[in-house]
Amino acid sequence: MNIVFISNEDTARAPMACAFMNQLAIDKHLDLNAASAGIYVSDDEFPSEEASYAAELLGVSIRAHSCSLMNEDILSKADLILTMTSMNKTSVLNMIPDVYNKLYTLKEYVFSFKEDLPADFYDGTSDIAVPRTGDVGHNINCAAQIYYLVWSIASELSEHGEIVMKNTILQ
């Protein structure tokens, strides 16, 4: 399975999700590969210091990650495309409408099969908060939320071999 995580700039949330998923795939012996890309990124950008620090606290490094611009080639190879916000999802659909049947926000995808998420994970939106410069606590909370959601996907795949959506998808 090929999963692509999409965020605005591919400098924080998507690279963290990608690194977490690839590490979990190794740990859980899953035949899975994750990649990330940004909607508005230059190919020569790198992850933010804040995101790198938060990811390292949770056991992965994204410092060597080279940011990638989202394109049709990357998305056509994906079995699943997970965005960090509903606006990211809308942007992807506007650019490449053919991916609608494999495109979700990360939260809405996990909510579709997992019923026992912590209450504070649902804030009325399907968005993962944007990390903020200088706010270490907020950035660690963002990373922890991403890790938990990605871990939920990896655990479901490890336990059942597939993901069966049971709940209504958030709009």
N, C-alpha and C. Protein backbone atom coordinates (compact mmCIF):
# COMPACT_ATOMS: atom_id res chain seq x y z
N MET A 1 0.85 -1.18 0.00
CA MET A 1 0.00 0.00 0.00
C MET A 1 0.89 1.24 0.00
N ASN A 2 0.53 2.20 -0.81
CA ASN A 2 1.25 3.48 -0.88
C ASN A 2 0.34 4.58 -0.36
N ILE A 3 0.83 5.29 0.66
CA ILE A 3 0.08 6.39 1.27
C ILE A 3 0.87 7.67 1.06
N VAL A 4 0.16 8.73 0.66
CA VAL A 4 0.78 10.05 0.54
C VAL A 4 0.08 10.99 1.50
N PHE A 5 0.87 11.67 2.32
CA PHE A 5 0.38 12.68 3.25
C PHE A 5 0.62 14.05 2.62
N ILE A 6 -0.42 14.88 2.63
CA ILE A 6 -0.36 16.20 1.99
C ILE A 6 -0.61 17.29 3.03
N SER A 7 0.25 18.30 3.00
CA SER A 7 0.04 19.50 3.82
C SER A 7 0.33 20.73 2.97
N ASN A 8 0.28 21.89 3.58
CA ASN A 8 0.52 23.12 2.82
C ASN A 8 1.90 23.14 2.21
N GLU A 9 2.93 23.00 3.06
CA GLU A 9 4.29 23.23 2.60
C GLU A 9 5.21 22.01 2.71
N ASP A 10 4.73 20.91 3.25
CA ASP A 10 5.55 19.71 3.42
C ASP A 10 6.77 19.97 4.30
N THR A 11 6.59 20.86 5.29
CA THR A 11 7.70 21.19 6.19
C THR A 11 7.43 20.79 7.63
N ALA A 12 6.25 20.28 7.95
CA ALA A 12 5.95 19.95 9.35
C ALA A 12 5.02 18.73 9.44
N ARG A 13 3.72 18.95 9.26
CA ARG A 13 2.75 17.89 9.53
C ARG A 13 2.89 16.68 8.60
N ALA A 14 2.94 16.90 7.30
CA ALA A 14 3.03 15.76 6.37
C ALA A 14 4.33 14.98 6.52
N PRO A 15 5.49 15.64 6.66
CA PRO A 15 6.71 14.84 6.86
C PRO A 15 6.69 14.06 8.18
N MET A 16 6.08 14.65 9.22
CA MET A 16 5.96 13.90 10.48
C MET A 16 5.09 12.67 10.28
N ALA A 17 3.93 12.85 9.65
CA ALA A 17 3.03 11.71 9.42
C ALA A 17 3.73 10.63 8.59
N CYS A 18 4.45 11.04 7.58
CA CYS A 18 5.17 10.12 6.71
C CYS A 18 6.22 9.34 7.50
N ALA A 19 7.02 10.04 8.28
CA ALA A 19 8.08 9.38 9.07
C ALA A 19 7.48 8.44 10.11
N PHE A 20 6.42 8.89 10.78
CA PHE A 20 5.76 8.01 11.76
C PHE A 20 5.24 6.75 11.08
N MET A 21 4.57 6.92 9.93
CA MET A 21 3.98 5.77 9.23
C MET A 21 5.05 4.81 8.75
N ASN A 22 6.11 5.32 8.17
CA ASN A 22 7.17 4.42 7.69
C ASN A 22 7.83 3.66 8.84
N GLN A 23 8.01 4.31 9.99
CA GLN A 23 8.57 3.61 11.15
C GLN A 23 7.60 2.57 11.68
N LEU A 24 6.33 2.91 11.75
CA LEU A 24 5.32 1.94 12.20
C LEU A 24 5.20 0.77 11.24
N ALA A 25 5.34 1.02 9.95
CA ALA A 25 5.29 -0.06 8.97
C ALA A 25 6.43 -1.05 9.22
N ILE A 26 7.60 -0.54 9.54
CA ILE A 26 8.73 -1.42 9.88
C ILE A 26 8.43 -2.18 11.16
N ASP A 27 8.01 -1.46 12.18
CA ASP A 27 7.75 -2.07 13.49
C ASP A 27 6.66 -3.13 13.43
N LYS A 28 5.63 -2.90 12.61
CA LYS A 28 4.49 -3.81 12.55
C LYS A 28 4.54 -4.75 11.34
N HIS A 29 5.66 -4.73 10.61
CA HIS A 29 5.87 -5.60 9.45
C HIS A 29 4.77 -5.45 8.41
N LEU A 30 4.47 -4.20 8.07
CA LEU A 30 3.43 -3.91 7.08
C LEU A 30 4.07 -3.66 5.72
N ASP A 31 3.41 -4.14 4.68
CA ASP A 31 3.85 -3.87 3.32
C ASP A 31 3.26 -2.52 2.92
N LEU A 32 3.93 -1.47 3.34
CA LEU A 32 3.38 -0.13 3.21
C LEU A 32 4.53 0.85 3.01
N ASN A 33 4.30 1.83 2.18
CA ASN A 33 5.28 2.90 1.98
C ASN A 33 4.54 4.23 2.03
N ALA A 34 5.09 5.14 2.81
CA ALA A 34 4.49 6.47 2.92
C ALA A 34 5.41 7.51 2.31
N ALA A 35 4.79 8.53 1.74
CA ALA A 35 5.52 9.68 1.19
C ALA A 35 4.74 10.92 1.61
N SER A 36 5.35 12.08 1.40
CA SER A 36 4.64 13.32 1.70
C SER A 36 4.93 14.34 0.61
N ALA A 37 4.04 15.31 0.53
CA ALA A 37 4.19 16.39 -0.45
C ALA A 37 3.42 17.61 0.05
N GLY A 38 3.77 18.74 -0.51
CA GLY A 38 3.10 19.98 -0.14
C GLY A 38 2.42 20.61 -1.35
N ILE A 39 1.40 21.37 -1.07
CA ILE A 39 0.65 22.03 -2.13
C ILE A 39 1.36 23.30 -2.60
N TYR A 40 2.00 24.01 -1.66
CA TYR A 40 2.66 25.28 -1.96
C TYR A 40 4.10 25.24 -1.45
N VAL A 41 4.94 24.47 -2.09
CA VAL A 41 6.31 24.30 -1.58
C VAL A 41 7.32 24.41 -2.70
N SER A 42 8.49 24.89 -2.35
CA SER A 42 9.62 24.83 -3.27
C SER A 42 10.37 23.54 -2.98
N ASP A 43 10.86 22.89 -4.00
CA ASP A 43 11.52 21.60 -3.81
C ASP A 43 12.80 21.68 -2.99
N ASP A 44 13.33 22.88 -2.75
CA ASP A 44 14.56 22.99 -1.99
C ASP A 44 14.34 23.33 -0.52
N GLU A 45 13.12 23.23 -0.03
CA GLU A 45 12.82 23.51 1.37
C GLU A 45 13.02 22.27 2.22
N PHE A 46 13.19 22.50 3.52
CA PHE A 46 13.39 21.42 4.48
C PHE A 46 12.44 21.61 5.66
N PRO A 47 12.25 20.57 6.47
CA PRO A 47 11.34 20.68 7.61
C PRO A 47 11.74 21.79 8.58
N SER A 48 10.74 22.33 9.24
CA SER A 48 10.99 23.38 10.22
C SER A 48 11.71 22.79 11.43
N GLU A 49 12.44 23.63 12.12
CA GLU A 49 13.15 23.21 13.32
C GLU A 49 12.17 22.72 14.39
N GLU A 50 11.04 23.42 14.52
CA GLU A 50 10.04 23.04 15.52
C GLU A 50 9.46 21.66 15.25
N ALA A 51 9.15 21.38 13.98
CA ALA A 51 8.60 20.08 13.61
C ALA A 51 9.65 18.99 13.80
N SER A 52 10.87 19.29 13.44
CA SER A 52 11.96 18.32 13.59
C SER A 52 12.13 17.94 15.06
N TYR A 53 12.12 18.93 15.92
CA TYR A 53 12.27 18.69 17.36
C TYR A 53 11.11 17.85 17.90
N ALA A 54 9.89 18.22 17.53
CA ALA A 54 8.71 17.49 18.01
C ALA A 54 8.73 16.04 17.53
N ALA A 55 9.10 15.82 16.27
CA ALA A 55 9.18 14.45 15.74
C ALA A 55 10.23 13.63 16.48
N GLU A 56 11.36 14.24 16.77
CA GLU A 56 12.42 13.53 17.48
C GLU A 56 11.99 13.13 18.88
N LEU A 57 11.19 13.95 19.53
CA LEU A 57 10.67 13.58 20.85
C LEU A 57 9.80 12.33 20.78
N LEU A 58 9.21 12.09 19.61
CA LEU A 58 8.36 10.91 19.42
C LEU A 58 9.08 9.80 18.66
N GLY A 59 10.39 9.91 18.52
CA GLY A 59 11.17 8.77 18.04
C GLY A 59 11.55 8.71 16.58
N VAL A 60 11.27 9.75 15.79
CA VAL A 60 11.68 9.74 14.39
C VAL A 60 12.37 11.05 14.05
N SER A 61 13.20 11.01 13.03
CA SER A 61 13.85 12.23 12.56
C SER A 61 13.31 12.58 11.17
N ILE A 62 13.03 13.86 10.99
CA ILE A 62 12.62 14.34 9.66
C ILE A 62 13.62 15.35 9.13
N ARG A 63 14.74 15.51 9.80
CA ARG A 63 15.73 16.52 9.42
C ARG A 63 16.28 16.31 8.01
N ALA A 64 16.41 15.07 7.56
CA ALA A 64 16.95 14.79 6.23
C ALA A 64 15.88 14.84 5.14
N HIS A 65 14.63 15.06 5.53
CA HIS A 65 13.52 15.11 4.58
C HIS A 65 13.68 16.29 3.63
N SER A 66 13.51 16.04 2.36
CA SER A 66 13.52 17.10 1.36
C SER A 66 12.08 17.31 0.89
N CYS A 67 11.58 18.50 1.06
CA CYS A 67 10.18 18.79 0.76
C CYS A 67 9.90 18.61 -0.73
N SER A 68 8.71 18.08 -1.01
CA SER A 68 8.30 17.81 -2.39
C SER A 68 7.02 18.54 -2.72
N LEU A 69 6.93 19.02 -3.93
CA LEU A 69 5.72 19.66 -4.42
C LEU A 69 4.76 18.57 -4.89
N MET A 70 3.50 18.66 -4.44
CA MET A 70 2.49 17.71 -4.86
C MET A 70 2.30 17.81 -6.37
N ASN A 71 2.17 16.64 -7.01
CA ASN A 71 1.90 16.63 -8.45
C ASN A 71 1.09 15.38 -8.79
N GLU A 72 0.61 15.35 -9.99
CA GLU A 72 -0.25 14.25 -10.44
C GLU A 72 0.48 12.91 -10.39
N ASP A 73 1.76 12.88 -10.70
CA ASP A 73 2.53 11.64 -10.68
C ASP A 73 2.58 11.04 -9.28
N ILE A 74 2.88 11.86 -8.28
CA ILE A 74 2.93 11.38 -6.89
C ILE A 74 1.57 10.82 -6.47
N LEU A 75 0.51 11.55 -6.78
CA LEU A 75 -0.82 11.14 -6.33
C LEU A 75 -1.35 9.94 -7.11
N SER A 76 -0.97 9.79 -8.36
CA SER A 76 -1.47 8.65 -9.15
C SER A 76 -0.91 7.33 -8.62
N LYS A 77 0.25 7.36 -7.99
CA LYS A 77 0.86 6.14 -7.44
C LYS A 77 0.32 5.78 -6.06
N ALA A 78 -0.45 6.67 -5.46
CA ALA A 78 -0.96 6.45 -4.11
C ALA A 78 -2.22 5.61 -4.11
N ASP A 79 -2.31 4.73 -3.12
CA ASP A 79 -3.54 3.99 -2.87
C ASP A 79 -4.45 4.81 -1.95
N LEU A 80 -3.83 5.68 -1.16
CA LEU A 80 -4.55 6.47 -0.18
C LEU A 80 -3.84 7.82 -0.06
N ILE A 81 -4.62 8.90 -0.09
CA ILE A 81 -4.08 10.25 0.06
C ILE A 81 -4.74 10.87 1.27
N LEU A 82 -3.92 11.29 2.23
CA LEU A 82 -4.42 11.85 3.47
C LEU A 82 -3.89 13.27 3.65
N THR A 83 -4.81 14.21 3.74
CA THR A 83 -4.43 15.62 3.90
C THR A 83 -4.53 16.02 5.37
N MET A 84 -3.88 17.11 5.71
CA MET A 84 -3.88 17.58 7.09
C MET A 84 -5.08 18.47 7.41
N THR A 85 -5.68 19.06 6.38
CA THR A 85 -6.84 19.93 6.60
C THR A 85 -7.87 19.73 5.49
N SER A 86 -9.08 20.19 5.76
CA SER A 86 -10.12 20.13 4.73
C SER A 86 -9.79 21.08 3.57
N MET A 87 -9.10 22.18 3.87
CA MET A 87 -8.67 23.08 2.79
C MET A 87 -7.63 22.40 1.89
N ASN A 88 -6.72 21.62 2.50
CA ASN A 88 -5.76 20.85 1.68
C ASN A 88 -6.51 19.89 0.78
N LYS A 89 -7.52 19.23 1.34
CA LYS A 89 -8.31 18.27 0.57
C LYS A 89 -8.99 18.97 -0.61
N THR A 90 -9.57 20.12 -0.36
CA THR A 90 -10.23 20.88 -1.42
C THR A 90 -9.23 21.30 -2.48
N SER A 91 -8.06 21.74 -2.07
CA SER A 91 -7.03 22.15 -3.02
C SER A 91 -6.61 20.98 -3.91
N VAL A 92 -6.43 19.82 -3.31
CA VAL A 92 -6.05 18.63 -4.09
C VAL A 92 -7.14 18.32 -5.10
N LEU A 93 -8.39 18.31 -4.66
CA LEU A 93 -9.52 18.02 -5.56
C LEU A 93 -9.62 19.03 -6.69
N ASN A 94 -9.37 20.30 -6.39
CA ASN A 94 -9.41 21.32 -7.43
C ASN A 94 -8.32 21.13 -8.47
N MET A 95 -7.15 20.65 -8.03
CA MET A 95 -6.03 20.47 -8.94
C MET A 95 -6.10 19.15 -9.70
N ILE A 96 -6.52 18.09 -8.99
CA ILE A 96 -6.52 16.75 -9.58
C ILE A 96 -7.80 16.02 -9.14
N PRO A 97 -8.92 16.29 -9.79
CA PRO A 97 -10.21 15.75 -9.36
C PRO A 97 -10.30 14.21 -9.41
N ASP A 98 -9.50 13.58 -10.23
CA ASP A 98 -9.58 12.12 -10.39
C ASP A 98 -9.23 11.34 -9.13
N VAL A 99 -8.67 11.98 -8.11
CA VAL A 99 -8.23 11.25 -6.90
C VAL A 99 -9.31 11.24 -5.82
N TYR A 100 -10.52 11.72 -6.12
CA TYR A 100 -11.56 11.87 -5.10
C TYR A 100 -11.86 10.59 -4.33
N ASN A 101 -11.74 9.43 -4.96
CA ASN A 101 -12.13 8.18 -4.31
C ASN A 101 -11.05 7.62 -3.37
N LYS A 102 -9.91 8.28 -3.27
CA LYS A 102 -8.86 7.83 -2.35
C LYS A 102 -8.31 8.99 -1.52
N LEU A 103 -9.10 10.05 -1.39
CA LEU A 103 -8.67 11.28 -0.73
C LEU A 103 -9.52 11.57 0.51
N TYR A 104 -8.85 11.75 1.63
CA TYR A 104 -9.51 12.05 2.92
C TYR A 104 -8.59 12.97 3.72
N THR A 105 -9.16 13.65 4.70
CA THR A 105 -8.26 14.25 5.68
C THR A 105 -7.84 13.11 6.60
N LEU A 106 -6.71 13.28 7.26
CA LEU A 106 -6.21 12.25 8.17
C LEU A 106 -7.22 11.95 9.27
N LYS A 107 -7.79 13.00 9.85
CA LYS A 107 -8.77 12.80 10.92
C LYS A 107 -10.02 12.08 10.42
N GLU A 108 -10.58 12.52 9.31
CA GLU A 108 -11.82 11.91 8.85
C GLU A 108 -11.60 10.45 8.49
N TYR A 109 -10.43 10.12 7.96
CA TYR A 109 -10.15 8.73 7.61
C TYR A 109 -10.11 7.86 8.87
N VAL A 110 -9.42 8.31 9.89
CA VAL A 110 -9.35 7.52 11.13
C VAL A 110 -10.72 7.47 11.80
N PHE A 111 -11.46 8.59 11.80
CA PHE A 111 -12.80 8.59 12.38
C PHE A 111 -13.74 7.62 11.66
N SER A 112 -13.44 7.29 10.42
CA SER A 112 -14.32 6.41 9.65
C SER A 112 -14.26 4.96 10.13
N PHE A 113 -13.21 4.57 10.86
CA PHE A 113 -13.13 3.19 11.33
C PHE A 113 -12.87 3.06 12.82
N LYS A 114 -12.47 4.09 13.49
CA LYS A 114 -12.11 4.01 14.90
C LYS A 114 -13.11 4.82 15.71
N GLU A 115 -13.75 4.16 16.67
CA GLU A 115 -14.79 4.81 17.45
C GLU A 115 -14.30 5.33 18.80
N ASP A 116 -13.15 4.90 19.25
CA ASP A 116 -12.71 5.24 20.59
C ASP A 116 -11.55 6.23 20.63
N LEU A 117 -11.65 7.25 19.78
CA LEU A 117 -10.63 8.29 19.80
C LEU A 117 -10.79 9.15 21.04
N PRO A 118 -9.68 9.68 21.57
CA PRO A 118 -9.80 10.60 22.70
C PRO A 118 -10.70 11.78 22.35
N ALA A 119 -11.49 12.22 23.30
CA ALA A 119 -12.47 13.28 23.06
C ALA A 119 -11.83 14.56 22.54
N ASP A 120 -10.63 14.88 23.00
CA ASP A 120 -10.00 16.13 22.58
C ASP A 120 -9.48 16.08 21.14
N PHE A 121 -9.58 14.93 20.49
CA PHE A 121 -9.16 14.84 19.09
C PHE A 121 -10.22 15.40 18.16
N TYR A 122 -11.44 15.47 18.61
CA TYR A 122 -12.47 16.03 17.75
C TYR A 122 -12.81 17.43 18.23
N ASP A 123 -12.40 18.41 17.48
CA ASP A 123 -12.61 19.80 17.83
C ASP A 123 -13.65 20.46 16.93
N GLY A 124 -14.45 19.65 16.27
CA GLY A 124 -15.46 20.19 15.37
C GLY A 124 -14.98 20.32 13.94
N THR A 125 -13.70 20.02 13.69
CA THR A 125 -13.17 20.09 12.34
C THR A 125 -12.43 18.78 12.03
N SER A 126 -12.10 18.62 10.78
CA SER A 126 -11.28 17.47 10.39
C SER A 126 -9.84 17.90 10.14
N ASP A 127 -9.44 19.01 10.77
CA ASP A 127 -8.11 19.58 10.54
C ASP A 127 -7.13 19.23 11.65
N ILE A 128 -5.87 19.07 11.26
CA ILE A 128 -4.76 18.99 12.20
C ILE A 128 -4.22 20.41 12.31
N ALA A 129 -4.07 20.90 13.51
CA ALA A 129 -3.61 22.28 13.72
C ALA A 129 -2.24 22.50 13.08
N VAL A 130 -2.02 23.71 12.64
CA VAL A 130 -0.74 24.10 12.04
C VAL A 130 0.27 24.34 13.15
N PRO A 131 1.45 23.73 13.09
CA PRO A 131 2.48 24.03 14.09
C PRO A 131 2.84 25.52 14.04
N ARG A 132 3.23 26.05 15.20
CA ARG A 132 3.55 27.48 15.31
C ARG A 132 5.00 27.68 15.71
N THR A 133 5.64 28.64 15.09
CA THR A 133 7.02 28.98 15.43
C THR A 133 7.08 29.45 16.88
N GLY A 134 8.00 28.87 17.63
CA GLY A 134 8.23 29.29 19.00
C GLY A 134 7.30 28.70 20.04
N ASP A 135 6.32 27.93 19.65
CA ASP A 135 5.37 27.35 20.60
C ASP A 135 5.63 25.84 20.71
N VAL A 136 6.60 25.49 21.52
CA VAL A 136 7.05 24.10 21.62
C VAL A 136 5.92 23.18 22.08
N GLY A 137 5.18 23.58 23.09
CA GLY A 137 4.09 22.74 23.59
C GLY A 137 3.04 22.46 22.54
N HIS A 138 2.63 23.48 21.81
CA HIS A 138 1.64 23.31 20.73
C HIS A 138 2.17 22.35 19.67
N ASN A 139 3.44 22.52 19.29
CA ASN A 139 4.03 21.68 18.25
C ASN A 139 4.14 20.23 18.69
N ILE A 140 4.46 20.00 19.94
CA ILE A 140 4.52 18.63 20.46
C ILE A 140 3.12 18.03 20.47
N ASN A 141 2.11 18.83 20.83
CA ASN A 141 0.73 18.33 20.78
C ASN A 141 0.31 17.98 19.36
N CYS A 142 0.69 18.80 18.38
CA CYS A 142 0.40 18.50 16.97
C CYS A 142 1.04 17.18 16.57
N ALA A 143 2.31 17.02 16.91
CA ALA A 143 3.03 15.79 16.56
C ALA A 143 2.40 14.58 17.24
N ALA A 144 2.02 14.72 18.50
CA ALA A 144 1.41 13.60 19.23
C ALA A 144 0.06 13.22 18.60
N GLN A 145 -0.72 14.21 18.20
CA GLN A 145 -2.00 13.92 17.55
C GLN A 145 -1.78 13.20 16.22
N ILE A 146 -0.83 13.67 15.44
CA ILE A 146 -0.52 13.02 14.17
C ILE A 146 -0.05 11.60 14.41
N TYR A 147 0.83 11.42 15.39
CA TYR A 147 1.33 10.08 15.69
C TYR A 147 0.18 9.15 16.04
N TYR A 148 -0.71 9.59 16.91
CA TYR A 148 -1.82 8.73 17.34
C TYR A 148 -2.71 8.35 16.16
N LEU A 149 -3.00 9.29 15.29
CA LEU A 149 -3.85 9.00 14.13
C LEU A 149 -3.16 8.03 13.17
N VAL A 150 -1.89 8.25 12.91
CA VAL A 150 -1.13 7.36 12.03
C VAL A 150 -0.99 5.98 12.67
N TRP A 151 -0.73 5.95 13.96
CA TRP A 151 -0.64 4.68 14.70
C TRP A 151 -1.96 3.92 14.59
N SER A 152 -3.08 4.63 14.65
CA SER A 152 -4.40 3.99 14.53
C SER A 152 -4.54 3.28 13.18
N ILE A 153 -4.07 3.93 12.11
CA ILE A 153 -4.13 3.32 10.78
C ILE A 153 -3.23 2.09 10.73
N ALA A 154 -2.00 2.22 11.18
CA ALA A 154 -1.05 1.11 11.15
C ALA A 154 -1.54 -0.06 11.99
N SER A 155 -2.11 0.23 13.14
CA SER A 155 -2.61 -0.83 14.02
C SER A 155 -3.79 -1.56 13.39
N GLU A 156 -4.68 -0.80 12.77
CA GLU A 156 -5.83 -1.42 12.10
C GLU A 156 -5.37 -2.32 10.96
N LEU A 157 -4.41 -1.85 10.18
CA LEU A 157 -3.86 -2.67 9.09
C LEU A 157 -3.14 -3.91 9.62
N SER A 158 -2.41 -3.74 10.70
CA SER A 158 -1.68 -4.86 11.29
C SER A 158 -2.63 -5.92 11.85
N GLU A 159 -3.69 -5.46 12.48
CA GLU A 159 -4.63 -6.37 13.13
C GLU A 159 -5.58 -7.03 12.13
N HIS A 160 -6.06 -6.28 11.15
CA HIS A 160 -7.11 -6.78 10.26
C HIS A 160 -6.68 -6.95 8.80
N GLY A 161 -5.53 -6.42 8.44
CA GLY A 161 -5.05 -6.52 7.06
C GLY A 161 -5.70 -5.56 6.10
N GLU A 162 -6.70 -4.84 6.56
CA GLU A 162 -7.39 -3.84 5.74
C GLU A 162 -8.12 -2.88 6.66
N ILE A 163 -8.66 -1.84 6.07
CA ILE A 163 -9.44 -0.89 6.85
C ILE A 163 -10.86 -0.90 6.30
N VAL A 164 -11.79 -1.18 7.20
CA VAL A 164 -13.20 -1.18 6.84
C VAL A 164 -13.83 0.05 7.48
N MET A 165 -14.31 0.94 6.65
CA MET A 165 -14.93 2.15 7.16
C MET A 165 -16.31 1.84 7.71
N LYS A 166 -16.51 2.19 8.98
CA LYS A 166 -17.77 1.89 9.65
C LYS A 166 -18.60 3.14 9.92
N ASN A 167 -17.93 4.25 10.09
CA ASN A 167 -18.59 5.48 10.52
C ASN A 167 -18.74 6.44 9.35
N THR A 168 -19.62 7.41 9.53
CA THR A 168 -19.85 8.43 8.51
C THR A 168 -18.62 9.31 8.37
N ILE A 169 -18.22 9.56 7.15
CA ILE A 169 -17.10 10.46 6.88
C ILE A 169 -17.52 11.88 7.18
N LEU A 170 -16.66 12.62 7.88
CA LEU A 170 -16.91 14.04 8.15
C LEU A 170 -16.87 14.81 6.84
N GLN A 171 -17.64 15.84 6.75
CA GLN A 171 -17.62 16.68 5.54
C GLN A 171 -16.99 18.01 5.84
